[in-house]
């Protein structure tokens, strides 16, 4: 899985390319944990190029959300497509995240 990383101010925006499923979800989890292990992590995930996710992909997002929640923050999701948004809503997990239309808005939310 290709994972693009962009710095927007002091925020790391990770953009996985492709479905968050199977071993790709595991690979993305490893890349994400590198950023979550920094002191005071500022992380957003762009799902713009993620057409769908399976239970492993959901688990990655929940684990990251829990990690950030323990530090008094919420996981920011950017440009979530309709299928992924529907998956999050149908599973009752959407309230665990903050949603943004673009990376700039997500970065500004840390201020």
N, C-alpha and C. Protein backbone atom coordinates (compact mmCIF):
# COMPACT_ATOMS: atom_id res chain seq x y z
N UNK A 1 0.85 -1.18 0.00
CA UNK A 1 0.00 0.00 0.00
C UNK A 1 0.89 1.24 0.00
N UNK A 2 0.55 2.17 -0.84
CA UNK A 2 1.24 3.45 -0.86
C UNK A 2 0.59 4.36 0.18
N UNK A 3 1.43 5.01 0.99
CA UNK A 3 0.94 5.93 2.01
C UNK A 3 1.69 7.25 1.84
N UNK A 4 0.96 8.27 1.47
CA UNK A 4 1.58 9.59 1.34
C UNK A 4 1.51 10.30 2.68
N UNK A 5 2.53 11.07 2.99
CA UNK A 5 2.56 11.85 4.23
C UNK A 5 2.87 13.29 3.87
N UNK A 6 2.06 14.18 4.38
CA UNK A 6 2.22 15.61 4.11
C UNK A 6 2.18 16.34 5.44
N UNK A 7 3.05 17.31 5.60
CA UNK A 7 3.02 18.16 6.78
C UNK A 7 2.19 19.40 6.46
N UNK A 8 1.16 19.63 7.24
CA UNK A 8 0.36 20.85 7.13
C UNK A 8 0.58 21.59 8.44
N UNK A 9 1.49 22.54 8.41
CA UNK A 9 1.91 23.19 9.65
C UNK A 9 2.62 22.16 10.51
N UNK A 10 2.12 21.93 11.71
CA UNK A 10 2.72 20.94 12.60
C UNK A 10 1.93 19.63 12.62
N UNK A 11 1.04 19.46 11.66
CA UNK A 11 0.17 18.28 11.62
C UNK A 11 0.64 17.33 10.51
N UNK A 12 0.77 16.06 10.87
CA UNK A 12 1.10 15.02 9.89
C UNK A 12 -0.22 14.51 9.31
N UNK A 13 -0.37 14.63 8.00
CA UNK A 13 -1.56 14.13 7.32
C UNK A 13 -1.15 12.90 6.53
N UNK A 14 -1.66 11.75 6.96
CA UNK A 14 -1.37 10.49 6.29
C UNK A 14 -2.49 10.17 5.32
N UNK A 15 -2.10 9.79 4.10
CA UNK A 15 -3.08 9.51 3.05
C UNK A 15 -2.83 8.14 2.46
N UNK A 16 -3.51 7.12 2.97
CA UNK A 16 -3.37 5.80 2.36
C UNK A 16 -4.02 5.79 0.98
N UNK A 17 -3.45 5.01 0.08
CA UNK A 17 -3.95 4.93 -1.28
C UNK A 17 -4.46 3.51 -1.52
N UNK A 18 -5.75 3.34 -1.52
CA UNK A 18 -6.34 2.01 -1.72
C UNK A 18 -7.16 1.61 -0.51
N UNK A 19 -7.74 0.43 -0.59
CA UNK A 19 -8.62 -0.05 0.47
C UNK A 19 -7.85 -0.31 1.76
N UNK A 20 -8.46 0.05 2.88
CA UNK A 20 -7.89 -0.30 4.19
C UNK A 20 -8.42 -1.68 4.55
N UNK A 21 -7.72 -2.68 4.06
CA UNK A 21 -8.17 -4.06 4.25
C UNK A 21 -6.95 -4.98 4.29
N UNK A 22 -7.12 -6.09 4.99
CA UNK A 22 -6.11 -7.14 5.06
C UNK A 22 -4.74 -6.61 5.44
N UNK A 23 -3.69 -7.06 4.73
CA UNK A 23 -2.34 -6.65 5.11
C UNK A 23 -2.07 -5.18 4.83
N UNK A 24 -2.84 -4.57 3.93
CA UNK A 24 -2.68 -3.12 3.71
C UNK A 24 -3.07 -2.34 4.97
N UNK A 25 -4.08 -2.81 5.67
CA UNK A 25 -4.49 -2.16 6.92
C UNK A 25 -3.39 -2.29 7.96
N UNK A 26 -2.75 -3.44 8.01
CA UNK A 26 -1.65 -3.66 8.95
C UNK A 26 -0.47 -2.75 8.62
N UNK A 27 -0.16 -2.63 7.35
CA UNK A 27 0.93 -1.75 6.92
C UNK A 27 0.62 -0.30 7.28
N UNK A 28 -0.62 0.10 7.07
CA UNK A 28 -1.00 1.47 7.41
C UNK A 28 -0.93 1.68 8.92
N UNK A 29 -1.34 0.69 9.70
CA UNK A 29 -1.27 0.79 11.17
C UNK A 29 0.16 1.03 11.62
N UNK A 30 1.11 0.32 11.02
CA UNK A 30 2.52 0.49 11.37
C UNK A 30 2.99 1.91 11.08
N UNK A 31 2.62 2.44 9.92
CA UNK A 31 3.02 3.80 9.56
C UNK A 31 2.36 4.82 10.48
N UNK A 32 1.12 4.59 10.82
CA UNK A 32 0.38 5.51 11.69
C UNK A 32 0.96 5.52 13.11
N UNK A 33 1.32 4.36 13.62
CA UNK A 33 1.85 4.27 14.99
C UNK A 33 3.15 5.04 15.15
N UNK A 34 3.95 5.14 14.10
CA UNK A 34 5.17 5.93 14.15
C UNK A 34 4.83 7.37 14.55
N UNK A 35 3.77 7.90 13.97
CA UNK A 35 3.37 9.28 14.26
C UNK A 35 2.66 9.40 15.60
N UNK A 36 1.90 8.39 15.98
CA UNK A 36 1.18 8.44 17.25
C UNK A 36 2.11 8.31 18.45
N UNK A 37 3.28 7.75 18.24
CA UNK A 37 4.23 7.57 19.34
C UNK A 37 5.07 8.81 19.63
N UNK A 38 4.90 9.87 18.83
CA UNK A 38 5.58 11.14 19.12
C UNK A 38 4.91 11.81 20.32
N UNK A 39 5.67 12.59 21.07
CA UNK A 39 5.02 13.37 22.14
C UNK A 39 4.03 14.36 21.51
N UNK A 40 2.85 14.48 22.12
CA UNK A 40 1.81 15.39 21.63
C UNK A 40 1.58 15.23 20.12
N UNK A 41 1.15 14.05 19.69
CA UNK A 41 0.97 13.81 18.25
C UNK A 41 -0.15 14.65 17.66
N UNK A 42 0.11 15.17 16.49
CA UNK A 42 -0.89 15.92 15.72
C UNK A 42 -1.02 15.20 14.39
N UNK A 43 -2.07 14.39 14.30
CA UNK A 43 -2.24 13.50 13.15
C UNK A 43 -3.64 13.63 12.58
N UNK A 44 -3.71 13.65 11.26
CA UNK A 44 -4.98 13.57 10.54
C UNK A 44 -4.82 12.49 9.47
N UNK A 45 -5.91 11.85 9.14
CA UNK A 45 -5.88 10.81 8.12
C UNK A 45 -6.82 11.22 7.00
N UNK A 46 -6.27 11.32 5.80
CA UNK A 46 -7.09 11.61 4.63
C UNK A 46 -7.54 10.28 4.02
N UNK A 47 -8.85 10.10 3.93
CA UNK A 47 -9.41 8.89 3.34
C UNK A 47 -9.92 9.14 1.92
N UNK A 48 -9.45 10.20 1.32
CA UNK A 48 -9.90 10.58 -0.01
C UNK A 48 -9.71 9.47 -1.03
N UNK A 49 -8.60 8.73 -0.93
CA UNK A 49 -8.30 7.68 -1.89
C UNK A 49 -8.48 6.28 -1.32
N UNK A 50 -9.38 6.18 -0.34
CA UNK A 50 -9.71 4.88 0.26
C UNK A 50 -11.15 4.55 -0.14
N UNK A 51 -11.33 3.62 -1.07
CA UNK A 51 -12.69 3.32 -1.53
C UNK A 51 -13.54 2.56 -0.52
N UNK A 52 -12.89 1.75 0.33
CA UNK A 52 -13.62 1.02 1.37
C UNK A 52 -12.64 0.51 2.42
N UNK A 53 -13.21 0.03 3.52
CA UNK A 53 -12.39 -0.57 4.57
C UNK A 53 -13.12 -1.78 5.13
N UNK A 54 -12.32 -2.74 5.60
CA UNK A 54 -12.92 -3.90 6.24
C UNK A 54 -12.74 -3.78 7.76
N UNK A 55 -12.99 -4.85 8.48
CA UNK A 55 -12.89 -4.80 9.94
C UNK A 55 -11.47 -4.49 10.41
N UNK A 56 -10.47 -4.93 9.66
CA UNK A 56 -9.09 -4.61 10.04
C UNK A 56 -8.83 -3.11 9.89
N UNK A 57 -9.34 -2.53 8.82
CA UNK A 57 -9.20 -1.08 8.63
C UNK A 57 -9.90 -0.31 9.73
N UNK A 58 -11.10 -0.75 10.09
CA UNK A 58 -11.83 -0.11 11.20
C UNK A 58 -11.04 -0.22 12.49
N UNK A 59 -10.45 -1.39 12.72
CA UNK A 59 -9.67 -1.61 13.94
C UNK A 59 -8.49 -0.65 14.00
N UNK A 60 -7.83 -0.40 12.88
CA UNK A 60 -6.72 0.55 12.84
C UNK A 60 -7.19 1.94 13.27
N UNK A 61 -8.32 2.38 12.72
CA UNK A 61 -8.84 3.71 13.05
C UNK A 61 -9.27 3.79 14.50
N UNK A 62 -9.91 2.74 15.01
CA UNK A 62 -10.36 2.74 16.40
C UNK A 62 -9.17 2.76 17.36
N UNK A 63 -8.15 1.96 17.06
CA UNK A 63 -6.95 1.93 17.90
C UNK A 63 -6.29 3.31 17.93
N UNK A 64 -6.18 3.95 16.78
CA UNK A 64 -5.59 5.29 16.72
C UNK A 64 -6.45 6.29 17.48
N UNK A 65 -7.77 6.19 17.31
CA UNK A 65 -8.68 7.11 18.02
C UNK A 65 -8.55 6.93 19.53
N UNK A 66 -8.46 5.69 19.99
CA UNK A 66 -8.31 5.41 21.42
C UNK A 66 -6.99 5.95 21.95
N UNK A 67 -5.93 5.77 21.17
CA UNK A 67 -4.60 6.26 21.54
C UNK A 67 -4.64 7.77 21.73
N UNK A 68 -5.26 8.47 20.79
CA UNK A 68 -5.34 9.93 20.88
C UNK A 68 -6.29 10.37 21.99
N UNK A 69 -7.37 9.62 22.19
CA UNK A 69 -8.33 9.96 23.24
C UNK A 69 -7.65 9.89 24.61
N UNK A 70 -6.77 8.92 24.79
CA UNK A 70 -6.03 8.80 26.05
C UNK A 70 -5.15 10.04 26.31
N UNK A 71 -4.82 10.76 25.24
CA UNK A 71 -4.00 11.96 25.35
C UNK A 71 -4.84 13.23 25.27
N UNK A 72 -6.16 13.07 25.33
CA UNK A 72 -7.05 14.23 25.33
C UNK A 72 -7.33 14.81 23.97
N UNK A 73 -7.20 14.01 22.92
CA UNK A 73 -7.42 14.51 21.57
C UNK A 73 -8.34 13.54 20.83
N UNK A 74 -8.77 13.94 19.64
CA UNK A 74 -9.60 13.07 18.79
C UNK A 74 -8.91 12.90 17.44
N UNK A 75 -9.14 11.75 16.85
CA UNK A 75 -8.58 11.49 15.52
C UNK A 75 -9.37 12.29 14.49
N UNK A 76 -8.64 12.98 13.63
CA UNK A 76 -9.26 13.79 12.58
C UNK A 76 -9.22 13.02 11.27
N UNK A 77 -10.38 12.86 10.63
CA UNK A 77 -10.47 12.21 9.33
C UNK A 77 -10.83 13.25 8.29
N UNK A 78 -10.13 13.19 7.17
CA UNK A 78 -10.26 14.20 6.12
C UNK A 78 -10.80 13.55 4.85
N UNK A 79 -11.70 14.24 4.19
CA UNK A 79 -12.21 13.85 2.86
C UNK A 79 -12.69 12.40 2.83
N UNK A 80 -13.53 12.06 3.76
CA UNK A 80 -14.05 10.69 3.85
C UNK A 80 -15.12 10.49 2.78
N UNK A 81 -14.91 9.50 1.94
CA UNK A 81 -15.87 9.19 0.88
C UNK A 81 -17.15 8.61 1.43
N UNK A 82 -18.16 8.54 0.59
CA UNK A 82 -19.48 8.11 1.04
C UNK A 82 -19.50 6.67 1.55
N UNK A 83 -18.76 5.77 0.92
CA UNK A 83 -18.76 4.38 1.36
C UNK A 83 -18.12 4.24 2.74
N UNK A 84 -16.96 4.85 2.93
CA UNK A 84 -16.28 4.77 4.23
C UNK A 84 -17.10 5.48 5.30
N UNK A 85 -17.70 6.59 4.96
CA UNK A 85 -18.53 7.31 5.93
C UNK A 85 -19.73 6.44 6.34
N UNK A 86 -20.32 5.78 5.38
CA UNK A 86 -21.46 4.91 5.67
C UNK A 86 -21.03 3.74 6.57
N UNK A 87 -19.86 3.18 6.32
CA UNK A 87 -19.34 2.09 7.16
C UNK A 87 -19.18 2.58 8.59
N UNK A 88 -18.61 3.76 8.76
CA UNK A 88 -18.41 4.32 10.11
C UNK A 88 -19.75 4.59 10.79
N UNK A 89 -20.72 5.07 10.04
CA UNK A 89 -22.03 5.36 10.63
C UNK A 89 -22.80 4.09 10.96
N UNK A 90 -22.78 3.11 10.06
CA UNK A 90 -23.52 1.87 10.29
C UNK A 90 -22.95 1.07 11.46
N UNK A 91 -21.66 1.19 11.70
CA UNK A 91 -21.04 0.49 12.82
C UNK A 91 -21.14 1.28 14.12
N UNK A 92 -21.69 2.48 14.04
CA UNK A 92 -21.83 3.32 15.24
C UNK A 92 -20.53 3.93 15.71
N UNK A 93 -19.53 3.99 14.83
CA UNK A 93 -18.21 4.49 15.23
C UNK A 93 -17.93 5.93 14.83
N UNK A 94 -18.80 6.53 14.06
CA UNK A 94 -18.51 7.87 13.53
C UNK A 94 -18.33 8.92 14.62
N UNK A 95 -18.96 8.73 15.77
CA UNK A 95 -18.83 9.72 16.84
C UNK A 95 -17.45 9.73 17.49
N UNK A 96 -16.62 8.76 17.19
CA UNK A 96 -15.27 8.70 17.77
C UNK A 96 -14.28 9.57 17.01
N UNK A 97 -14.71 10.14 15.89
CA UNK A 97 -13.80 10.89 15.02
C UNK A 97 -14.33 12.30 14.77
N UNK A 98 -13.42 13.17 14.35
CA UNK A 98 -13.81 14.49 13.85
C UNK A 98 -13.61 14.44 12.34
N UNK A 99 -14.57 14.97 11.60
CA UNK A 99 -14.53 14.93 10.14
C UNK A 99 -14.27 16.32 9.58
N UNK A 100 -13.42 16.37 8.55
CA UNK A 100 -13.08 17.63 7.90
C UNK A 100 -13.08 17.44 6.39
N UNK A 101 -13.39 18.51 5.68
CA UNK A 101 -13.42 18.46 4.22
C UNK A 101 -12.02 18.47 3.63
N UNK A 102 -11.08 19.16 4.29
CA UNK A 102 -9.73 19.25 3.75
C UNK A 102 -8.69 19.26 4.86
N UNK A 103 -7.44 19.05 4.48
CA UNK A 103 -6.33 18.96 5.43
C UNK A 103 -6.09 20.25 6.17
N UNK A 104 -6.29 21.36 5.52
CA UNK A 104 -6.08 22.66 6.17
C UNK A 104 -7.04 22.86 7.33
N UNK A 105 -8.29 22.51 7.12
CA UNK A 105 -9.29 22.63 8.19
C UNK A 105 -8.95 21.71 9.36
N UNK A 106 -8.50 20.51 9.06
CA UNK A 106 -8.11 19.58 10.12
C UNK A 106 -6.93 20.13 10.89
N UNK A 107 -5.95 20.68 10.19
CA UNK A 107 -4.77 21.24 10.86
C UNK A 107 -5.15 22.42 11.74
N UNK A 108 -6.04 23.29 11.26
CA UNK A 108 -6.47 24.45 12.05
C UNK A 108 -7.21 24.04 13.32
N UNK A 109 -7.83 22.87 13.31
CA UNK A 109 -8.58 22.42 14.48
C UNK A 109 -7.69 22.12 15.68
N UNK A 110 -6.39 22.00 15.47
CA UNK A 110 -5.46 21.76 16.57
C UNK A 110 -5.13 23.04 17.33
N UNK A 111 -5.49 24.19 16.76
CA UNK A 111 -5.14 25.47 17.39
C UNK A 111 -6.10 25.75 18.53
